[in-house]
C-alpha atoms as a PDB file:
ATOM      1  CA  MET A   1       9.459  10.153  -5.738  1.00  0.00           C
ATOM      2  CA  LYS A   2      12.191  12.059  -7.532  1.00  0.00           C
ATOM      3  CA  LYS A   3      10.100  15.223  -7.657  1.00  0.00           C
ATOM      4  CA  VAL A   4       9.387  15.087  -3.910  1.00  0.00           C
ATOM      5  CA  LEU A   5      13.056  14.593  -3.088  1.00  0.00           C
ATOM      6  CA  GLU A   6      13.962  17.412  -5.462  1.00  0.00           C
ATOM      7  CA  ALA A   7      11.557  19.764  -3.680  1.00  0.00           C
ATOM      8  CA  VAL A   8      13.027  18.741  -0.309  1.00  0.00           C
ATOM      9  CA  GLU A   9      16.552  19.471  -1.552  1.00  0.00           C
ATOM     10  CA  THR A  10      15.508  22.962  -2.645  1.00  0.00           C
ATOM     11  CA  LYS A  11      13.796  23.421   0.750  1.00  0.00           C
ATOM     12  CA  ASP A  12      10.469  24.400  -0.821  1.00  0.00           C
ATOM     13  CA  THR A  13       7.943  23.238   1.774  1.00  0.00           C
ATOM     14  CA  ALA A  14       4.766  24.115  -0.142  1.00  0.00           C
ATOM     15  CA  LEU A  15       5.932  22.349  -3.286  1.00  0.00           C
ATOM     16  CA  ALA A  16       7.133  19.341  -1.281  1.00  0.00           C
ATOM     17  CA  ASP A  17       3.716  19.002   0.374  1.00  0.00           C
ATOM     18  CA  LYS A  18       1.900  19.112  -2.970  1.00  0.00           C
ATOM     19  CA  ARG A  19       4.254  16.625  -4.580  1.00  0.00           C
ATOM     20  CA  LEU A  20       4.050  14.319  -1.558  1.00  0.00           C
ATOM     21  CA  ALA A  21       0.275  14.087  -1.925  1.00  0.00           C
ATOM     22  CA  VAL A  22       0.598  13.262  -5.631  1.00  0.00           C
ATOM     23  CA  ALA A  23       3.342  10.711  -4.997  1.00  0.00           C
ATOM     24  CA  GLN A  24       1.321   8.939  -2.312  1.00  0.00           C
ATOM     25  CA  SER A  25      -1.632   8.697  -4.687  1.00  0.00           C
ATOM     26  CA  VAL A  26       0.529   7.254  -7.463  1.00  0.00           C
ATOM     27  CA  ILE A  27       2.121   4.739  -5.086  1.00  0.00           C
ATOM     28  CA  ASP A  28      -1.308   3.655  -3.795  1.00  0.00           C
ATOM     29  CA  LYS A  29      -2.558   3.137  -7.350  1.00  0.00           C
ATOM     30  CA  ALA A  30       0.515   1.058  -8.199  1.00  0.00           C
ATOM     31  CA  VAL A  31      -0.111  -1.159  -5.150  1.00  0.00           C
ATOM     32  CA  VAL A  32      -3.792  -1.653  -6.016  1.00  0.00           C
ATOM     33  CA  LYS A  33      -2.958  -2.600  -9.607  1.00  0.00           C
ATOM     34  CA  GLY A  34      -0.299  -5.067  -8.480  1.00  0.00           C
ATOM     35  CA  VAL A  35       2.644  -3.192  -9.974  1.00  0.00           C
ATOM     36  CA  MET A  36       4.212  -2.777  -6.547  1.00  0.00           C
ATOM     37  CA  HIS A  37       4.000  -4.932  -3.422  1.00  0.00           C
ATOM     38  CA  GLY A  38       2.064  -3.415  -0.520  1.00  0.00           C
ATOM     39  CA  ASN A  39       5.016  -3.355   1.853  1.00  0.00           C
ATOM     40  CA  THR A  40       7.197  -1.669  -0.756  1.00  0.00           C
ATOM     41  CA  GLY A  41       4.572   1.019  -1.249  1.00  0.00           C
ATOM     42  CA  SER A  42       4.280   1.579   2.480  1.00  0.00           C
ATOM     43  CA  ARG A  43       8.044   1.803   2.874  1.00  0.00           C
ATOM     44  CA  ARG A  44       8.370   4.347   0.076  1.00  0.00           C
ATOM     45  CA  LYS A  45       5.518   6.506   1.367  1.00  0.00           C
ATOM     46  CA  SER A  46       7.034   6.429   4.849  1.00  0.00           C
ATOM     47  CA  MET A  47      10.448   7.460   3.542  1.00  0.00           C
ATOM     48  CA  LEU A  48       9.004  10.380   1.583  1.00  0.00           C
ATOM     49  CA  THR A  49       6.840  11.512   4.500  1.00  0.00           C
ATOM     50  CA  ASN A  50       9.823  11.467   6.853  1.00  0.00           C
ATOM     51  CA  ARG A  51      11.908  13.536   4.433  1.00  0.00           C
ATOM     52  CA  VAL A  52       9.154  16.153   4.166  1.00  0.00           C
ATOM     53  CA  LYS A  53       8.718  16.192   7.974  1.00  0.00           C
ATOM     54  CA  THR A  54      12.420  16.923   8.449  1.00  0.00           C
ATOM     55  CA  LEU A  55      12.015  19.800   6.010  1.00  0.00           C
ATOM     56  CA  HIS A  56       9.294  21.239   8.243  1.00  0.00           C
ATOM     57  CA  GLY A  57      11.540  20.824  11.268  1.00  0.00           C
ATOM     58  CA  GLU A  58       9.424  18.131  12.901  1.00  0.00           C
ATOM     59  CA  ASN A  59      10.905  15.048  14.477  1.00  0.00           C
ATOM     60  CA  ALA A  60      11.054  12.239  11.958  1.00  0.00           C
END
């Protein structure tokens, strides 16, 4: 999550997209293994996706 937010702060859209995909995969794996609750994973993925969308200029 930190790496995605860091890429958003530097306004690097390509890097943010790549890191978002990796972060979503890691969050999904954590949910499947029981490290993180499903709703928590969904909330975090949603937050990251919205931050990247605002970087692209889309409505969040």
